[in-house]
C-alpha atoms as a PDB file:
ATOM      1  CA  MET A   1      31.798 -18.521 -23.059  1.00  0.00           C
ATOM      2  CA  ASP A   2      29.400 -15.781 -23.419  1.00  0.00           C
ATOM      3  CA  ASN A   3      25.841 -16.618 -22.769  1.00  0.00           C
ATOM      4  CA  PRO A   4      24.557 -18.800 -25.478  1.00  0.00           C
ATOM      5  CA  THR A   5      21.758 -17.908 -27.800  1.00  0.00           C
ATOM      6  CA  ILE A   6      18.747 -20.066 -28.419  1.00  0.00           C
ATOM      7  CA  LYS A   7      20.444 -21.039 -31.732  1.00  0.00           C
ATOM      8  CA  GLU A   8      23.557 -22.255 -29.899  1.00  0.00           C
ATOM      9  CA  ILE A   9      21.634 -24.237 -27.353  1.00  0.00           C
ATOM     10  CA  ALA A  10      19.466 -25.720 -30.076  1.00  0.00           C
ATOM     11  CA  ILE A  11      22.620 -26.972 -32.081  1.00  0.00           C
ATOM     12  CA  ARG A  12      24.207 -28.516 -29.051  1.00  0.00           C
ATOM     13  CA  ALA A  13      20.958 -30.162 -27.938  1.00  0.00           C
ATOM     14  CA  GLY A  14      20.192 -31.384 -31.312  1.00  0.00           C
ATOM     15  CA  VAL A  15      16.773 -29.796 -31.457  1.00  0.00           C
ATOM     16  CA  SER A  16      15.084 -26.998 -33.349  1.00  0.00           C
ATOM     17  CA  LYS A  17      15.122 -23.399 -32.182  1.00  0.00           C
ATOM     18  CA  SER A  18      11.444 -23.405 -31.952  1.00  0.00           C
ATOM     19  CA  THR A  19      11.701 -26.425 -29.391  1.00  0.00           C
ATOM     20  CA  VAL A  20      14.166 -24.490 -27.269  1.00  0.00           C
ATOM     21  CA  SER A  21      11.900 -21.479 -27.445  1.00  0.00           C
ATOM     22  CA  ARG A  22       8.825 -23.670 -26.387  1.00  0.00           C
ATOM     23  CA  ILE A  23      10.848 -25.077 -23.445  1.00  0.00           C
ATOM     24  CA  ILE A  24      11.929 -21.662 -22.367  1.00  0.00           C
ATOM     25  CA  SER A  25       8.436 -20.115 -22.490  1.00  0.00           C
ATOM     26  CA  GLY A  26       6.780 -23.199 -21.171  1.00  0.00           C
ATOM     27  CA  LYS A  27       4.093 -22.898 -23.792  1.00  0.00           C
ATOM     28  CA  GLY A  28       3.545 -25.581 -26.349  1.00  0.00           C
ATOM     29  CA  TYR A  29       4.486 -29.294 -26.352  1.00  0.00           C
ATOM     30  CA  SER A  30       8.057 -30.625 -26.023  1.00  0.00           C
ATOM     31  CA  SER A  31       9.029 -34.125 -25.227  1.00  0.00           C
ATOM     32  CA  PRO A  32      10.641 -35.001 -21.847  1.00  0.00           C
ATOM     33  CA  GLU A  33      13.729 -36.087 -23.782  1.00  0.00           C
ATOM     34  CA  ALA A  34      14.159 -32.657 -25.450  1.00  0.00           C
ATOM     35  CA  ARG A  35      13.485 -30.807 -22.365  1.00  0.00           C
ATOM     36  CA  ASP A  36      16.153 -32.989 -20.451  1.00  0.00           C
ATOM     37  CA  LYS A  37      18.619 -32.504 -23.274  1.00  0.00           C
ATOM     38  CA  VAL A  38      18.185 -28.711 -23.310  1.00  0.00           C
ATOM     39  CA  LEU A  39      18.657 -28.411 -19.621  1.00  0.00           C
ATOM     40  CA  GLU A  40      21.707 -30.458 -19.854  1.00  0.00           C
ATOM     41  CA  VAL A  41      23.213 -28.262 -22.389  1.00  0.00           C
ATOM     42  CA  ILE A  42      22.519 -25.342 -20.283  1.00  0.00           C
ATOM     43  CA  GLU A  43      24.457 -26.899 -17.527  1.00  0.00           C
ATOM     44  CA  GLU A  44      27.282 -27.971 -19.584  1.00  0.00           C
ATOM     45  CA  LEU A  45      27.691 -24.435 -20.865  1.00  0.00           C
ATOM     46  CA  GLN A  46      27.838 -23.116 -17.348  1.00  0.00           C
ATOM     47  CA  TYR A  47      25.156 -20.600 -18.345  1.00  0.00           C
ATOM     48  CA  LYS A  48      24.789 -17.820 -15.962  1.00  0.00           C
ATOM     49  CA  PRO A  49      21.208 -17.694 -15.235  1.00  0.00           C
ATOM     50  CA  ASN A  50      19.244 -14.588 -16.417  1.00  0.00           C
ATOM     51  CA  ALA A  51      15.446 -14.032 -16.029  1.00  0.00           C
ATOM     52  CA  VAL A  52      14.778 -16.313 -19.068  1.00  0.00           C
ATOM     53  CA  ALA A  53      16.990 -19.273 -17.951  1.00  0.00           C
ATOM     54  CA  ARG A  54      15.679 -19.253 -14.385  1.00  0.00           C
ATOM     55  CA  ALA A  55      12.161 -19.498 -15.783  1.00  0.00           C
ATOM     56  CA  MET A  56      13.394 -22.238 -18.043  1.00  0.00           C
ATOM     57  CA  VAL A  57      14.903 -24.380 -15.247  1.00  0.00           C
ATOM     58  CA  SER A  58      12.454 -23.636 -12.337  1.00  0.00           C
ATOM     59  CA  GLN A  59       9.459 -22.524 -14.163  1.00  0.00           C
ATOM     60  CA  ARG A  60       9.837 -19.236 -12.232  1.00  0.00           C
ATOM     61  CA  THR A  61      10.618 -15.883 -13.670  1.00  0.00           C
ATOM     62  CA  HIS A  62      11.778 -14.364 -10.436  1.00  0.00           C
ATOM     63  CA  ASN A  63       9.461 -11.416 -11.340  1.00  0.00           C
ATOM     64  CA  ILE A  64       6.715  -9.976  -9.030  1.00  0.00           C
ATOM     65  CA  GLY A  65       4.028  -7.573  -9.862  1.00  0.00           C
ATOM     66  CA  VAL A  66       2.751  -4.663  -7.751  1.00  0.00           C
ATOM     67  CA  LEU A  67      -0.658  -3.358  -8.670  1.00  0.00           C
ATOM     68  CA  LEU A  68      -1.651  -0.032  -7.226  1.00  0.00           C
ATOM     69  CA  TYR A  69      -5.365   0.799  -7.452  1.00  0.00           C
ATOM     70  CA  ARG A  70      -6.226   4.487  -6.581  1.00  0.00           C
ATOM     71  CA  GLN A  71      -8.846   6.597  -8.289  1.00  0.00           C
ATOM     72  CA  GLU A  72      -7.422  10.184  -7.499  1.00  0.00           C
ATOM     73  CA  LEU A  73      -3.963  11.334  -8.449  1.00  0.00           C
ATOM     74  CA  PRO A  74      -1.138  11.061  -7.484  1.00  0.00           C
ATOM     75  CA  ILE A  75      -0.844   7.468  -7.503  1.00  0.00           C
ATOM     76  CA  ALA A  76       2.843   6.028  -7.499  1.00  0.00           C
ATOM     77  CA  SER A  77       3.993   9.454  -6.177  1.00  0.00           C
ATOM     78  CA  HIS A  78       1.624   9.550  -3.279  1.00  0.00           C
ATOM     79  CA  PRO A  79       3.484  10.362  -0.128  1.00  0.00           C
ATOM     80  CA  PHE A  80       1.967   7.409   1.608  1.00  0.00           C
ATOM     81  CA  TYR A  81       1.730   4.734  -1.064  1.00  0.00           C
ATOM     82  CA  GLY A  82       5.093   5.692  -2.585  1.00  0.00           C
ATOM     83  CA  LYS A  83       6.881   4.843   0.566  1.00  0.00           C
ATOM     84  CA  ILE A  84       5.287   1.344   0.508  1.00  0.00           C
ATOM     85  CA  VAL A  85       6.445   0.758  -3.013  1.00  0.00           C
ATOM     86  CA  ASP A  86       9.999   1.891  -2.055  1.00  0.00           C
ATOM     87  CA  ALA A  87      10.118  -0.643   0.585  1.00  0.00           C
ATOM     88  CA  ILE A  88       8.776  -3.379  -1.819  1.00  0.00           C
ATOM     89  CA  LEU A  89      11.436  -2.491  -4.454  1.00  0.00           C
ATOM     90  CA  LEU A  90      14.299  -2.562  -1.868  1.00  0.00           C
ATOM     91  CA  GLU A  91      13.149  -5.893  -0.102  1.00  0.00           C
ATOM     92  CA  ALA A  92      12.547  -7.481  -3.751  1.00  0.00           C
ATOM     93  CA  ALA A  93      16.093  -6.611  -4.772  1.00  0.00           C
ATOM     94  CA  ARG A  94      17.457  -8.324  -1.627  1.00  0.00           C
ATOM     95  CA  LEU A  95      15.581 -11.467  -2.368  1.00  0.00           C
ATOM     96  CA  ASN A  96      16.681 -11.226  -6.051  1.00  0.00           C
ATOM     97  CA  TYR A  97      13.105 -10.488  -7.700  1.00  0.00           C
ATOM     98  CA  SER A  98      12.600  -8.082 -10.344  1.00  0.00           C
ATOM     99  CA  VAL A  99       9.524  -5.911 -10.087  1.00  0.00           C
ATOM    100  CA  PHE A 100       6.947  -4.635 -12.423  1.00  0.00           C
ATOM    101  CA  VAL A 101       4.884  -1.767 -11.171  1.00  0.00           C
ATOM    102  CA  THR A 102       1.583  -0.568 -12.635  1.00  0.00           C
ATOM    103  CA  THR A 103      -1.243   1.661 -11.528  1.00  0.00           C
ATOM    104  CA  ASP A 104      -4.817   1.598 -12.380  1.00  0.00           C
ATOM    105  CA  ARG A 105      -7.390   4.180 -11.619  1.00  0.00           C
ATOM    106  CA  ASP A 106     -10.373   2.347 -12.956  1.00  0.00           C
ATOM    107  CA  MET A 107      -9.817  -0.973 -11.224  1.00  0.00           C
ATOM    108  CA  SER A 108     -10.085  -2.787 -14.521  1.00  0.00           C
ATOM    109  CA  TYR A 109      -8.696  -6.078 -15.610  1.00  0.00           C
ATOM    110  CA  ARG A 110      -6.010  -4.291 -17.893  1.00  0.00           C
ATOM    111  CA  SER A 111      -3.313  -4.103 -15.229  1.00  0.00           C
ATOM    112  CA  ALA A 112      -3.761  -7.756 -14.139  1.00  0.00           C
ATOM    113  CA  ASP A 113      -3.366  -8.776 -17.860  1.00  0.00           C
ATOM    114  CA  PHE A 114      -0.227  -6.794 -18.135  1.00  0.00           C
ATOM    115  CA  MET A 115       1.357  -8.820 -15.178  1.00  0.00           C
ATOM    116  CA  MET A 116       0.288 -12.193 -16.561  1.00  0.00           C
ATOM    117  CA  GLU A 117       1.742 -11.401 -19.901  1.00  0.00           C
ATOM    118  CA  LYS A 118       5.108 -10.583 -17.889  1.00  0.00           C
ATOM    119  CA  ARG A 119       4.571 -14.185 -16.260  1.00  0.00           C
ATOM    120  CA  VAL A 120       5.066 -12.841 -12.800  1.00  0.00           C
ATOM    121  CA  ASP A 121       5.523 -15.338  -9.848  1.00  0.00           C
ATOM    122  CA  GLY A 122       3.157 -13.505  -7.570  1.00  0.00           C
ATOM    123  CA  LEU A 123       1.381 -10.127  -6.906  1.00  0.00           C
ATOM    124  CA  ILE A 124       1.184  -7.492  -4.355  1.00  0.00           C
ATOM    125  CA  LEU A 125      -2.103  -5.625  -4.521  1.00  0.00           C
ATOM    126  CA  ILE A 126      -2.232  -2.255  -2.900  1.00  0.00           C
ATOM    127  CA  SER A 127      -5.439  -0.672  -1.547  1.00  0.00           C
ATOM    128  CA  ARG A 128      -8.920  -2.075  -1.608  1.00  0.00           C
ATOM    129  CA  LEU A 129     -10.043  -4.321  -4.493  1.00  0.00           C
ATOM    130  CA  GLN A 130     -13.485  -5.270  -5.566  1.00  0.00           C
ATOM    131  CA  GLN A 131     -14.777  -8.935  -5.880  1.00  0.00           C
ATOM    132  CA  ASN A 132     -14.653  -9.054  -9.521  1.00  0.00           C
ATOM    133  CA  VAL A 133     -11.032  -8.033  -9.743  1.00  0.00           C
ATOM    134  CA  ILE A 134      -9.916 -10.509  -6.996  1.00  0.00           C
ATOM    135  CA  ASP A 135     -11.839 -13.307  -8.573  1.00  0.00           C
ATOM    136  CA  TYR A 136     -10.223 -12.403 -12.009  1.00  0.00           C
ATOM    137  CA  ILE A 137      -6.681 -12.416 -10.419  1.00  0.00           C
ATOM    138  CA  THR A 138      -7.438 -15.663  -8.452  1.00  0.00           C
ATOM    139  CA  ASN A 139      -8.265 -17.564 -11.726  1.00  0.00           C
ATOM    140  CA  PHE A 140      -4.607 -17.115 -12.918  1.00  0.00           C
ATOM    141  CA  GLY A 141      -3.282 -19.294 -10.014  1.00  0.00           C
ATOM    142  CA  VAL A 142      -0.601 -16.977  -9.050  1.00  0.00           C
ATOM    143  CA  PRO A 143      -0.155 -16.145  -5.252  1.00  0.00           C
ATOM    144  CA  TYR A 144      -0.966 -12.594  -4.064  1.00  0.00           C
ATOM    145  CA  VAL A 145      -0.831 -10.574  -1.012  1.00  0.00           C
ATOM    146  CA  MET A 146      -2.964  -7.424  -0.182  1.00  0.00           C
ATOM    147  CA  VAL A 147      -1.369  -4.345   1.524  1.00  0.00           C
ATOM    148  CA  ASN A 148      -3.299  -1.542   3.125  1.00  0.00           C
ATOM    149  CA  GLY A 149      -6.648  -2.630   1.511  1.00  0.00           C
ATOM    150  CA  SER A 150      -9.468  -5.005   2.165  1.00  0.00           C
ATOM    151  CA  THR A 151     -11.799  -7.392   0.277  1.00  0.00           C
ATOM    152  CA  ASP A 152     -14.763  -9.479   1.111  1.00  0.00           C
ATOM    153  CA  VAL A 153     -13.159 -12.444  -0.344  1.00  0.00           C
ATOM    154  CA  GLY A 154     -12.101 -15.026   2.351  1.00  0.00           C
ATOM    155  CA  GLY A 155      -8.525 -16.391   2.570  1.00  0.00           C
ATOM    156  CA  VAL A 156      -6.858 -13.349   1.175  1.00  0.00           C
ATOM    157  CA  ILE A 157      -3.628 -12.453   3.101  1.00  0.00           C
ATOM    158  CA  HIS A 158      -3.748  -8.952   4.198  1.00  0.00           C
ATOM    159  CA  ILE A 159      -1.023  -6.740   5.636  1.00  0.00           C
ATOM    160  CA  VAL A 160      -2.794  -3.792   7.254  1.00  0.00           C
ATOM    161  CA  ASN A 161      -2.457  -1.168  10.054  1.00  0.00           C
ATOM    162  CA  GLN A 162      -4.429  -1.346  13.297  1.00  0.00           C
ATOM    163  CA  ASP A 163      -6.352   1.731  12.052  1.00  0.00           C
ATOM    164  CA  GLU A 164      -8.974   1.627  14.660  1.00  0.00           C
ATOM    165  CA  ALA A 165      -6.548   1.520  17.524  1.00  0.00           C
ATOM    166  CA  GLY A 166      -4.712   4.560  15.806  1.00  0.00           C
ATOM    167  CA  GLY A 167      -8.127   6.438  15.723  1.00  0.00           C
ATOM    168  CA  ARG A 168      -8.495   5.771  19.441  1.00  0.00           C
ATOM    169  CA  MET A 169      -4.856   7.058  19.933  1.00  0.00           C
ATOM    170  CA  ALA A 170      -5.703  10.498  18.199  1.00  0.00           C
ATOM    171  CA  ALA A 171      -8.859  10.836  20.417  1.00  0.00           C
ATOM    172  CA  GLU A 172      -7.020  10.005  23.616  1.00  0.00           C
ATOM    173  CA  HIS A 173      -4.351  12.477  22.878  1.00  0.00           C
ATOM    174  CA  LEU A 174      -6.639  15.410  21.940  1.00  0.00           C
ATOM    175  CA  THR A 175      -8.859  14.788  25.012  1.00  0.00           C
ATOM    176  CA  GLY A 176      -5.704  14.337  27.247  1.00  0.00           C
ATOM    177  CA  ILE A 177      -4.526  18.017  26.367  1.00  0.00           C
ATOM    178  CA  GLY A 178      -8.126  19.373  27.002  1.00  0.00           C
ATOM    179  CA  HIS A 179     -10.095  19.251  23.748  1.00  0.00           C
ATOM    180  CA  GLU A 180     -13.542  18.059  23.736  1.00  0.00           C
ATOM    181  CA  ARG A 181     -15.243  19.956  20.767  1.00  0.00           C
ATOM    182  CA  ILE A 182     -13.202  18.250  17.925  1.00  0.00           C
ATOM    183  CA  PHE A 183     -13.890  18.677  14.182  1.00  0.00           C
ATOM    184  CA  VAL A 184     -13.310  15.640  12.162  1.00  0.00           C
ATOM    185  CA  ILE A 185     -12.464  15.393   8.400  1.00  0.00           C
ATOM    186  CA  ALA A 186     -13.096  11.582   7.366  1.00  0.00           C
ATOM    187  CA  GLY A 187     -11.796  10.246   4.149  1.00  0.00           C
ATOM    188  CA  PRO A 188     -13.566   7.992   1.825  1.00  0.00           C
ATOM    189  CA  GLN A 189     -15.430   5.532   3.969  1.00  0.00           C
ATOM    190  CA  PRO A 190     -15.537   2.719   1.485  1.00  0.00           C
ATOM    191  CA  HIS A 191     -11.790   2.567   2.141  1.00  0.00           C
ATOM    192  CA  ARG A 192     -10.901   0.290   5.181  1.00  0.00           C
ATOM    193  CA  SER A 193      -8.404   2.724   6.540  1.00  0.00           C
ATOM    194  CA  HIS A 194     -10.386   5.696   6.888  1.00  0.00           C
ATOM    195  CA  HIS A 195     -13.536   3.765   7.912  1.00  0.00           C
ATOM    196  CA  SER A 196     -11.579   2.144  10.858  1.00  0.00           C
ATOM    197  CA  ARG A 197      -9.810   5.262  11.756  1.00  0.00           C
ATOM    198  CA  LEU A 198     -13.028   7.286  12.270  1.00  0.00           C
ATOM    199  CA  LYS A 199     -14.743   4.320  14.109  1.00  0.00           C
ATOM    200  CA  GLY A 200     -11.724   4.031  16.681  1.00  0.00           C
ATOM    201  CA  PHE A 201     -11.803   7.857  17.209  1.00  0.00           C
ATOM    202  CA  ARG A 202     -15.684   8.027  17.680  1.00  0.00           C
ATOM    203  CA  ALA A 203     -15.611   4.815  20.005  1.00  0.00           C
ATOM    204  CA  PHE A 204     -13.069   6.592  22.281  1.00  0.00           C
ATOM    205  CA  MET A 205     -14.890   9.814  22.418  1.00  0.00           C
ATOM    206  CA  GLU A 206     -18.301   7.886  23.206  1.00  0.00           C
ATOM    207  CA  GLU A 207     -16.600   5.928  25.977  1.00  0.00           C
ATOM    208  CA  ALA A 208     -14.991   9.268  27.403  1.00  0.00           C
ATOM    209  CA  GLY A 209     -18.503  10.645  27.632  1.00  0.00           C
ATOM    210  CA  LYS A 210     -17.649  13.376  24.781  1.00  0.00           C
ATOM    211  CA  PRO A 211     -19.450  11.849  21.735  1.00  0.00           C
ATOM    212  CA  VAL A 212     -18.758  13.459  18.332  1.00  0.00           C
ATOM    213  CA  GLY A 213     -21.999  14.636  17.071  1.00  0.00           C
ATOM    214  CA  GLU A 214     -23.019  14.262  13.213  1.00  0.00           C
ATOM    215  CA  THR A 215     -22.490  17.965  12.691  1.00  0.00           C
ATOM    216  CA  SER A 216     -18.936  17.708  13.644  1.00  0.00           C
ATOM    217  CA  VAL A 217     -17.948  15.131  11.007  1.00  0.00           C
ATOM    218  CA  ARG A 218     -17.431  15.900   7.373  1.00  0.00           C
ATOM    219  CA  PHE A 219     -16.809  13.307   4.885  1.00  0.00           C
ATOM    220  CA  ALA A 220     -14.223  13.752   2.065  1.00  0.00           C
ATOM    221  CA  GLU A 221     -14.819  12.187  -1.312  1.00  0.00           C
ATOM    222  CA  THR A 222     -11.051  11.920  -1.850  1.00  0.00           C
ATOM    223  CA  SER A 223      -8.113  12.005   0.621  1.00  0.00           C
ATOM    224  CA  THR A 224      -6.280  14.867  -0.847  1.00  0.00           C
ATOM    225  CA  PHE A 225      -4.637  18.075   0.419  1.00  0.00           C
ATOM    226  CA  GLY A 226      -6.974  20.125  -1.699  1.00  0.00           C
ATOM    227  CA  GLU A 227     -10.089  18.760  -0.248  1.00  0.00           C
ATOM    228  CA  GLY A 228      -8.822  19.099   3.296  1.00  0.00           C
ATOM    229  CA  TYR A 229      -8.272  22.784   2.705  1.00  0.00           C
ATOM    230  CA  GLU A 230     -11.833  23.006   1.029  1.00  0.00           C
ATOM    231  CA  LEU A 231     -13.746  21.323   3.807  1.00  0.00           C
ATOM    232  CA  MET A 232     -11.981  23.443   6.317  1.00  0.00           C
ATOM    233  CA  SER A 233     -12.714  26.687   4.585  1.00  0.00           C
ATOM    234  CA  ARG A 234     -16.551  25.615   4.233  1.00  0.00           C
ATOM    235  CA  HIS A 235     -16.613  24.752   7.919  1.00  0.00           C
ATOM    236  CA  PHE A 236     -14.585  27.515   9.540  1.00  0.00           C
ATOM    237  CA  GLY A 237     -17.495  29.210  11.250  1.00  0.00           C
ATOM    238  CA  PRO A 238     -17.330  26.872  14.463  1.00  0.00           C
ATOM    239  CA  PHE A 239     -13.604  27.638  14.862  1.00  0.00           C
ATOM    240  CA  ARG A 240     -14.123  31.458  14.512  1.00  0.00           C
ATOM    241  CA  SER A 241     -16.636  31.156  17.310  1.00  0.00           C
ATOM    242  CA  GLY A 242     -14.646  29.010  19.457  1.00  0.00           C
ATOM    243  CA  ARG A 243     -17.185  25.999  19.134  1.00  0.00           C
ATOM    244  CA  HIS A 244     -14.479  23.767  17.792  1.00  0.00           C
ATOM    245  CA  THR A 245     -10.908  23.679  19.295  1.00  0.00           C
ATOM    246  CA  ALA A 246      -9.332  20.796  17.314  1.00  0.00           C
ATOM    247  CA  VAL A 247      -9.220  18.882  14.111  1.00  0.00           C
ATOM    248  CA  PHE A 248      -8.729  15.210  13.497  1.00  0.00           C
ATOM    249  CA  ALA A 249      -8.356  14.078   9.916  1.00  0.00           C
ATOM    250  CA  THR A 250      -8.100  10.515   8.908  1.00  0.00           C
ATOM    251  CA  ASN A 251      -5.013  11.067   6.992  1.00  0.00           C
ATOM    252  CA  ASP A 252      -2.132  13.599   6.919  1.00  0.00           C
ATOM    253  CA  MET A 253      -2.820  15.262   3.514  1.00  0.00           C
ATOM    254  CA  LEU A 254      -6.460  16.005   4.658  1.00  0.00           C
ATOM    255  CA  ALA A 255      -5.101  17.440   7.927  1.00  0.00           C
ATOM    256  CA  LEU A 256      -2.484  19.677   6.243  1.00  0.00           C
ATOM    257  CA  GLY A 257      -4.946  20.903   3.869  1.00  0.00           C
ATOM    258  CA  ALA A 258      -7.216  21.940   6.833  1.00  0.00           C
ATOM    259  CA  MET A 259      -4.064  23.384   8.770  1.00  0.00           C
ATOM    260  CA  LYS A 260      -3.052  25.595   5.847  1.00  0.00           C
ATOM    261  CA  PHE A 261      -6.424  27.013   5.638  1.00  0.00           C
ATOM    262  CA  LEU A 262      -6.472  27.658   9.430  1.00  0.00           C
ATOM    263  CA  LEU A 263      -3.103  29.440   9.225  1.00  0.00           C
ATOM    264  CA  GLU A 264      -4.229  31.564   6.405  1.00  0.00           C
ATOM    265  CA  GLN A 265      -7.028  32.867   8.560  1.00  0.00           C
ATOM    266  CA  GLY A 266      -4.610  33.756  11.272  1.00  0.00           C
ATOM    267  CA  THR A 267      -5.588  30.919  13.506  1.00  0.00           C
ATOM    268  CA  ARG A 268      -2.772  30.309  15.973  1.00  0.00           C
ATOM    269  CA  ILE A 269      -1.840  26.559  16.075  1.00  0.00           C
ATOM    270  CA  PRO A 270      -2.001  24.863  18.613  1.00  0.00           C
ATOM    271  CA  GLU A 271      -3.127  27.744  20.898  1.00  0.00           C
ATOM    272  CA  GLN A 272      -6.473  28.250  19.116  1.00  0.00           C
ATOM    273  CA  ALA A 273      -6.733  25.057  17.292  1.00  0.00           C
ATOM    274  CA  ALA A 274      -4.806  21.859  17.658  1.00  0.00           C
ATOM    275  CA  VAL A 275      -4.560  19.508  14.618  1.00  0.00           C
ATOM    276  CA  VAL A 276      -3.917  15.676  14.322  1.00  0.00           C
ATOM    277  CA  GLY A 277      -3.459  13.744  11.135  1.00  0.00           C
ATOM    278  CA  PHE A 278      -2.833  10.017  10.422  1.00  0.00           C
ATOM    279  CA  ASP A 279       0.055   8.200   8.394  1.00  0.00           C
ATOM    280  CA  ASP A 280       3.102  10.316   9.180  1.00  0.00           C
ATOM    281  CA  VAL A 281       4.076  11.225   5.639  1.00  0.00           C
ATOM    282  CA  ASP A 282       7.323  13.172   5.118  1.00  0.00           C
ATOM    283  CA  PHE A 283       5.286  16.508   4.729  1.00  0.00           C
ATOM    284  CA  ALA A 284       3.963  16.094   8.178  1.00  0.00           C
ATOM    285  CA  ALA A 285       7.473  16.694   9.866  1.00  0.00           C
ATOM    286  CA  MET A 286       8.431  19.338   7.219  1.00  0.00           C
ATOM    287  CA  PHE A 287       5.320  21.500   7.585  1.00  0.00           C
ATOM    288  CA  SER A 288       5.362  24.483   9.880  1.00  0.00           C
ATOM    289  CA  PRO A 289       4.042  23.950  12.459  1.00  0.00           C
ATOM    290  CA  SER A 290       4.839  20.349  12.188  1.00  0.00           C
ATOM    291  CA  LEU A 291       1.944  18.012  12.412  1.00  0.00           C
ATOM    292  CA  THR A 292       1.131  15.559  15.200  1.00  0.00           C
ATOM    293  CA  THR A 293       0.047  12.352  13.612  1.00  0.00           C
ATOM    294  CA  VAL A 294      -0.385   8.707  14.000  1.00  0.00           C
ATOM    295  CA  ARG A 295       2.624   6.713  12.382  1.00  0.00           C
ATOM    296  CA  VAL A 296       1.868   3.903  10.234  1.00  0.00           C
ATOM    297  CA  ASP A 297       4.840   1.555   9.586  1.00  0.00           C
ATOM    298  CA  THR A 298       5.003   1.643   5.668  1.00  0.00           C
ATOM    299  CA  TRP A 299       8.447   0.172   5.660  1.00  0.00           C
ATOM    300  CA  GLU A 300       7.125  -2.971   7.435  1.00  0.00           C
ATOM    301  CA  MET A 301       4.051  -3.181   5.213  1.00  0.00           C
ATOM    302  CA  GLY A 302       6.207  -3.148   2.054  1.00  0.00           C
ATOM    303  CA  THR A 303       8.923  -5.592   3.186  1.00  0.00           C
ATOM    304  CA  GLY A 304       6.536  -7.803   4.983  1.00  0.00           C
ATOM    305  CA  ALA A 305       4.561  -8.076   1.824  1.00  0.00           C
ATOM    306  CA  VAL A 306       7.534  -9.192  -0.253  1.00  0.00           C
ATOM    307  CA  ARG A 307       8.608 -11.628   2.283  1.00  0.00           C
ATOM    308  CA  LEU A 308       5.272 -13.226   2.629  1.00  0.00           C
ATOM    309  CA  LEU A 309       4.720 -13.382  -1.206  1.00  0.00           C
ATOM    310  CA  ASP A 310       8.228 -14.972  -1.369  1.00  0.00           C
ATOM    311  CA  GLU A 311       7.099 -17.773   1.077  1.00  0.00           C
ATOM    312  CA  LEU A 312       3.880 -18.333  -0.924  1.00  0.00           C
ATOM    313  CA  ILE A 313       5.844 -18.507  -4.304  1.00  0.00           C
ATOM    314  CA  ARG A 314       8.161 -21.019  -2.832  1.00  0.00           C
ATOM    315  CA  HIS A 315       5.357 -23.081  -1.319  1.00  0.00           C
ATOM    316  CA  GLU A 316       6.535 -22.879   2.262  1.00  0.00           C
ATOM    317  CA  PRO A 317       4.355 -24.894   4.553  1.00  0.00           C
ATOM    318  CA  ASP A 318       2.026 -23.110   7.052  1.00  0.00           C
ATOM    319  CA  VAL A 319       2.551 -19.483   5.835  1.00  0.00           C
ATOM    320  CA  ALA A 320       1.167 -17.505   8.730  1.00  0.00           C
ATOM    321  CA  HIS A 321      -1.212 -14.645   8.167  1.00  0.00           C
ATOM    322  CA  PRO A 322       0.411 -11.602   9.598  1.00  0.00           C
ATOM    323  CA  GLY A 323      -1.090  -9.750  12.629  1.00  0.00           C
ATOM    324  CA  GLN A 324      -2.045  -6.043  12.064  1.00  0.00           C
ATOM    325  CA  LEU A 325       0.801  -3.601  12.639  1.00  0.00           C
ATOM    326  CA  MET A 326       0.467  -1.383  15.498  1.00  0.00           C
ATOM    327  CA  PRO A 327       0.681   2.372  14.786  1.00  0.00           C
ATOM    328  CA  ARG A 328       2.394   4.890  17.068  1.00  0.00           C
ATOM    329  CA  LEU A 329       1.335   8.367  18.097  1.00  0.00           C
ATOM    330  CA  VAL A 330       3.945  11.073  16.999  1.00  0.00           C
ATOM    331  CA  VAL A 331       3.448  14.392  18.931  1.00  0.00           C
ATOM    332  CA  ARG A 332       4.540  17.541  17.284  1.00  0.00           C
ATOM    333  CA  GLN A 333       3.878  21.343  17.148  1.00  0.00           C
ATOM    334  CA  SER A 334       0.354  21.151  16.006  1.00  0.00           C
ATOM    335  CA  THR A 335      -0.837  19.900  19.381  1.00  0.00           C
ATOM    336  CA  GLY A 336       1.901  21.648  21.474  1.00  0.00           C
ATOM    337  CA  GLY A 337       4.704  19.210  21.066  1.00  0.00           C
ATOM    338  CA  ALA A 338       8.395  19.977  20.950  1.00  0.00           C
ATOM    339  CA  ARG A 339       9.614  22.642  18.510  1.00  0.00           C
END
C-alpha cells in the first residue's frame, strides 16, 4: 500500500493521532506499550522509510547541517568555500543524508537555532567560530566537525590544511627562481589559515637569510579580489622602482586582484613581477597569465568532514582526529611555469 498517514497508523495501532505524532517527533510522553505498537504497525505495513519514519524508528533524522560563517560576501558562492560545500553535498548523498546549508555573517545563534529546529543529527561548521557560538552549539548535544577553521575550545575535531607548510612552499618556490624582495599581501590574521600561511612564509625567508621586512607586508581586512587590487594600487611604487620583484598573497583572490592591477600598469608577469597565491580556486587556472598557487584539497576537506561526522553520529568507538592535509604547489605562468 501507499505510505500510511498518521491517521492510518493510529487506527491500526489503536492509539490517537496525537500519540503517533508524539512518537514521531520524540516530544512529549508516550507509553512504551504505545510506542511498541506504533512501530509494529509500521513494520506490518512495510512502510518505506522517509525522513520522518527513520527518525521515529532510530531517533535519527538522517539530516545534517552545514553552517558557513563568513563576514564578507560572497559566502556560499565563494570560489573556495563553495567547493567544500559541493564535496559535502555529494558525500552526504552517498551516505544517505539530507543536508541543510545556512550562512551567517554575524556569527549569531540564529543559524544554530535553525539547525536544531530541523533536528539535525550533526553539524559541519565552516570557518573560525568564537567561543560563545561553540558553547551554544555544544549545549544541544549534537556532534559537530569544524572545517578550515579554528577555535580555542579543546576537543573539537578539525579538518584543516597544513597552511604553515604551504606558506613555506610558496617562499621556497619564489626564492628558488631568484626572488628575494617579495611583497606580501596577508589576509585577515584572526583567521587561522591566513595567519599560518604568513607565518610559514616568513619563517622560511628568515631561515634563508632573506627576512621579509615589516614594510613589505600589508594586511588586508578582507580576503577579496577587490582588496588585493586596492592594496597593490597603493603600494605599486616599489614595483615601479624595482625594489619588489614578486608578490605572495595568502589566498588566490587577493593574488588575482594584485595581478590584475599589475597587468593594467603594463607590468610583465612573470618577467618583471612574479605572483603566487594560495588555495587553487578555479579562477587561478582560468586567469591569463595563469596563477601559480598552493593547492588546498577542498574535496578531501568536504568529504572527510561528512565521513567523520557520520562516525560520530553512529557512535563509532575511537573516532580518530584527522591529521592536517598536506597542500601542493602548482606552478603556472605567473612564475614562469608552462604555458
